[in-house]
Amino acid sequence: MQQAQNGNNSKRLQKYIRRIQEKVHVHAKHDPNNAHITEILDTLKQKLSAKSQRLRRYKDANGRKQQNRLFTTNEKTYYRNLKSERRPDCHDTLPDKQALTAFWTCTWGNTVKHNLKASRIRREQIRVSNVTAMEYSPITTEHVSRLIARTLNWKSPEPDGIYNFWIKRFTATHSYLAHHFNQFMEDAGNIPNFLVQASYTYYRKAKTVGILPNIGQ
């Protein structure tokens, strides 16, 4: 097609162009048929762009599905693959512990005061004023055992350092867990601090490795 635009009018090329025109003579449903080489070339470019984007979306979606499946079946291999992925545009300079702590302290360490007199809060209070409060059903030992059985054995433990594998096997502790859960539900002030703590792992991203001042703003 480019050769024809450049003035090459050989019989072989004209025959090849007519064959292509028969296949892509329709540009769109409500547009007239393609009559010139420029229109045919534009149609081919748009079709190629649409298919390449579709292929890219499929590749991304399929990659996410594979990662989700691997995370569910073999979490250890999933994290190993994350560590082994090295991008060519990644830098080796990483922020130190003090820089990370200072950055996230500015984001999470500031107390935020919300407007408790906002009109939307009043509207929601009026909307749910006739809703009957749900009765609390105590958590039983059977509930705890059934839910623990569905957890992953070797998932990264909480600050207590105990893996789910051992909690599953030590069934004598399930009744104590149920007792404490019921206490926490009745009085949230009794929840110890270690139960609301979390561990964060920072992974570097391509090109941007240092502290970003605009995150969280």
Protein backbone atom coordinates (compact mmCIF):
# COMPACT_ATOMS: atom_id res chain seq x y z
CA MET A 1 0.00 0.00 0.00
CA GLN A 2 2.85 2.36 0.82
CA GLN A 3 4.52 1.50 -2.47
CA ALA A 4 1.36 2.39 -4.39
CA GLN A 5 1.20 5.74 -2.62
CA ASN A 6 4.81 6.34 -3.63
CA GLY A 7 3.95 5.88 -7.32
CA ASN A 8 4.64 2.17 -7.90
CA ASN A 9 1.90 1.08 -10.34
CA SER A 10 3.09 -2.37 -11.32
CA LYS A 11 0.47 -4.92 -12.37
CA ARG A 12 1.45 -7.27 -9.60
CA LEU A 13 1.02 -4.58 -6.98
CA GLN A 14 -2.32 -3.44 -8.43
CA LYS A 15 -3.59 -7.01 -8.32
CA TYR A 16 -2.50 -7.32 -4.70
CA ILE A 17 -4.23 -4.05 -3.80
CA ARG A 18 -7.50 -5.14 -5.45
CA ARG A 19 -7.40 -8.34 -3.43
CA ILE A 20 -6.98 -6.36 -0.20
CA GLN A 21 -9.72 -3.95 -1.20
CA GLU A 22 -12.17 -6.83 -1.60
CA LYS A 23 -11.51 -7.86 2.00
CA VAL A 24 -11.52 -4.43 3.66
CA HIS A 25 -13.79 -2.42 1.39
CA VAL A 26 -16.06 -1.62 4.36
CA HIS A 27 -14.63 0.84 6.88
CA ALA A 28 -17.62 1.14 9.20
CA LYS A 29 -21.29 0.26 9.19
CA HIS A 30 -22.53 3.73 8.32
CA ASP A 31 -19.56 4.89 6.23
CA PRO A 32 -19.23 4.59 2.45
CA ASN A 33 -17.01 1.87 1.08
CA ASN A 34 -13.30 2.50 0.73
CA ALA A 35 -12.45 3.70 -2.76
CA HIS A 36 -8.88 4.98 -2.42
CA ILE A 37 -5.65 3.51 -1.19
CA THR A 38 -5.46 6.08 1.61
CA GLU A 39 -8.86 4.98 2.94
CA ILE A 40 -7.90 1.30 2.75
CA LEU A 41 -4.63 1.96 4.55
CA ASP A 42 -6.43 3.94 7.26
CA THR A 43 -8.88 1.06 7.79
CA LEU A 44 -6.06 -1.45 8.10
CA LYS A 45 -4.23 0.73 10.61
CA GLN A 46 -7.32 1.16 12.76
CA LYS A 47 -8.04 -2.58 12.70
CA LEU A 48 -4.45 -3.33 13.65
CA SER A 49 -4.60 -0.82 16.51
CA ALA A 50 -7.90 -2.27 17.82
CA LYS A 51 -6.60 -5.86 17.71
CA SER A 52 -3.31 -4.93 19.37
CA GLN A 53 -5.18 -3.19 22.21
CA ARG A 54 -7.48 -6.18 22.57
CA LEU A 55 -4.46 -8.48 22.72
CA ARG A 56 -2.82 -6.23 25.32
CA ARG A 57 -5.96 -6.25 27.49
CA TYR A 58 -6.18 -10.02 27.22
CA LYS A 59 -2.53 -10.39 28.19
CA ASP A 60 -2.96 -8.15 31.23
CA ALA A 61 -6.16 -9.88 32.34
CA ASN A 62 -4.69 -13.32 31.83
CA GLY A 63 -1.59 -12.32 33.80
CA ARG A 64 -3.74 -11.15 36.72
CA LYS A 65 -5.72 -14.40 36.67
CA GLN A 66 -2.55 -16.46 36.71
CA GLN A 67 -1.14 -14.44 39.60
CA ASN A 68 -4.39 -14.79 41.57
CA ARG A 69 -4.45 -18.53 40.92
CA LEU A 70 -0.81 -18.89 41.93
CA PHE A 71 -1.36 -16.82 45.08
CA THR A 72 -4.22 -19.13 46.07
CA THR A 73 -2.48 -22.42 45.31
CA ASN A 74 1.20 -21.68 45.98
CA GLU A 75 1.81 -18.44 47.82
CA LYS A 76 5.50 -19.14 48.31
CA THR A 77 6.11 -19.44 44.56
CA TYR A 78 4.06 -16.29 43.97
CA TYR A 79 6.29 -14.18 46.23
CA ARG A 80 9.41 -15.81 44.82
CA ASN A 81 8.34 -14.77 41.33
CA LEU A 82 7.79 -11.21 42.52
CA LYS A 83 11.30 -11.08 43.93
CA SER A 84 12.85 -12.61 40.81
CA GLU A 85 11.26 -10.10 38.44
CA ARG A 86 13.91 -7.53 37.59
CA ARG A 87 12.98 -4.65 35.34
CA PRO A 88 15.77 -3.14 33.26
CA ASP A 89 14.76 0.38 34.27
CA CYS A 90 14.86 -0.33 38.01
CA HIS A 91 17.49 1.41 40.08
CA ASP A 92 19.45 -0.14 42.92
CA THR A 93 19.16 2.91 45.15
CA LEU A 94 16.49 2.29 47.77
CA PRO A 95 15.24 4.63 50.48
CA ASP A 96 16.49 3.75 53.94
CA LYS A 97 14.35 2.94 56.96
CA GLN A 98 14.47 6.48 58.33
CA ALA A 99 13.25 7.99 55.04
CA LEU A 100 10.36 5.54 54.78
CA THR A 101 9.38 6.06 58.40
CA ALA A 102 9.46 9.83 58.06
CA PHE A 103 7.42 9.79 54.86
CA TRP A 104 4.62 7.51 56.10
CA THR A 105 4.55 9.20 59.50
CA CYS A 106 3.61 12.44 57.74
CA THR A 107 0.80 10.57 55.97
CA TRP A 108 -0.56 8.27 58.69
CA GLY A 109 0.63 10.05 61.81
CA ASN A 110 -1.54 13.15 61.43
CA THR A 111 -4.89 13.07 63.16
CA VAL A 112 -7.77 13.90 60.82
CA LYS A 113 -10.88 15.54 62.25
CA HIS A 114 -14.06 14.98 60.28
CA ASN A 115 -17.03 17.31 60.23
CA LEU A 116 -19.55 15.49 62.42
CA LYS A 117 -22.20 18.10 61.62
CA ALA A 118 -22.12 17.54 57.88
CA SER A 119 -25.52 17.49 56.20
CA ARG A 120 -24.91 14.10 54.58
CA ILE A 121 -24.45 12.51 58.02
CA ARG A 122 -27.79 13.94 59.14
CA ARG A 123 -29.48 12.65 55.99
CA GLU A 124 -28.11 9.16 56.60
CA GLN A 125 -29.28 9.24 60.22
CA ILE A 126 -32.79 10.10 59.10
CA ARG A 127 -32.73 7.46 56.38
CA VAL A 128 -31.77 4.62 58.73
CA SER A 129 -33.73 5.80 61.75
CA ASN A 130 -36.42 3.14 61.15
CA VAL A 131 -33.94 0.31 60.59
CA THR A 132 -33.99 -2.23 63.40
CA ALA A 133 -30.61 -2.94 64.90
CA MET A 134 -29.28 -6.41 64.21
CA GLU A 135 -29.21 -8.70 67.22
CA TYR A 136 -25.76 -9.90 68.11
CA SER A 137 -25.29 -13.64 67.76
CA PRO A 138 -22.42 -14.91 69.92
CA ILE A 139 -19.47 -16.53 68.15
CA THR A 140 -19.22 -20.22 68.94
CA THR A 141 -16.24 -22.56 68.94
CA GLU A 142 -17.65 -24.27 65.84
CA HIS A 143 -17.65 -20.93 64.00
CA VAL A 144 -14.00 -20.35 64.86
CA SER A 145 -12.94 -23.87 63.83
CA ARG A 146 -14.82 -23.67 60.54
CA LEU A 147 -13.35 -20.29 59.59
CA ILE A 148 -9.81 -21.19 60.62
CA ALA A 149 -10.00 -24.33 58.48
CA ARG A 150 -10.44 -22.12 55.40
CA THR A 151 -7.29 -20.07 56.01
CA LEU A 152 -3.96 -20.70 54.28
CA ASN A 153 -1.52 -22.74 56.35
CA TRP A 154 1.70 -20.83 55.76
CA LYS A 155 0.46 -17.35 55.05
CA SER A 156 2.64 -14.64 56.59
CA PRO A 157 1.83 -14.61 60.31
CA GLU A 158 0.68 -11.63 62.34
CA PRO A 159 2.95 -9.97 64.92
CA ASP A 160 2.42 -12.99 67.22
CA GLY A 161 4.47 -15.07 64.74
CA ILE A 162 2.06 -18.02 64.80
CA TYR A 163 1.16 -19.58 61.45
CA ASN A 164 -2.37 -20.67 60.69
CA PHE A 165 -1.15 -24.26 60.39
CA TRP A 166 -0.59 -24.46 64.16
CA ILE A 167 -3.82 -22.68 65.05
CA LYS A 168 -5.70 -25.28 63.01
CA ARG A 169 -3.98 -28.16 64.80
CA PHE A 170 -4.29 -26.76 68.33
CA THR A 171 -8.06 -27.15 68.48
CA ALA A 172 -8.07 -26.70 72.25
CA THR A 173 -7.43 -22.99 71.71
CA HIS A 174 -10.53 -22.46 69.57
CA SER A 175 -12.86 -22.11 72.54
CA TYR A 176 -10.60 -19.45 74.07
CA LEU A 177 -10.50 -17.58 70.75
CA ALA A 178 -14.29 -17.62 70.56
CA HIS A 179 -14.51 -16.31 74.13
CA HIS A 180 -12.16 -13.41 73.43
CA PHE A 181 -13.90 -12.56 70.14
CA ASN A 182 -17.20 -12.26 71.96
CA GLN A 183 -15.59 -9.99 74.55
CA PHE A 184 -14.18 -7.77 71.81
CA MET A 185 -17.58 -7.54 70.11
CA GLU A 186 -19.28 -6.53 73.36
CA ASP A 187 -16.63 -3.98 74.29
CA ALA A 188 -14.23 -2.80 71.60
CA GLY A 189 -12.13 -1.06 74.22
CA ASN A 190 -10.81 -4.44 75.36
CA ILE A 191 -9.08 -5.16 72.03
CA PRO A 192 -5.31 -5.31 72.64
CA ASN A 193 -3.07 -3.21 70.46
CA PHE A 194 -1.26 -6.13 68.86
CA LEU A 195 -4.51 -7.29 67.23
CA VAL A 196 -4.83 -4.05 65.28
CA GLN A 197 -1.21 -3.87 64.19
CA ALA A 198 -0.16 -4.66 60.63
CA SER A 199 3.06 -5.42 58.80
CA TYR A 200 3.87 -3.61 55.56
CA THR A 201 6.32 -4.75 52.90
CA TYR A 202 7.54 -2.15 50.43
CA TYR A 203 8.34 -3.18 46.86
CA ARG A 204 10.19 -0.86 44.56
CA LYS A 205 8.58 0.15 41.29
CA ALA A 206 10.07 0.77 37.89
CA LYS A 207 11.74 4.16 37.33
CA THR A 208 10.34 5.60 40.58
CA VAL A 209 12.19 4.24 43.58
CA GLY A 210 12.72 7.15 45.96
CA ILE A 211 10.21 8.83 48.20
CA LEU A 212 7.36 10.44 46.30
CA PRO A 213 6.25 13.71 47.92
CA ASN A 214 2.84 13.69 46.22
CA ILE A 215 1.63 10.33 47.57
CA GLY A 216 -1.21 10.69 50.04
CA GLN A 217 -1.88 14.31 49.22
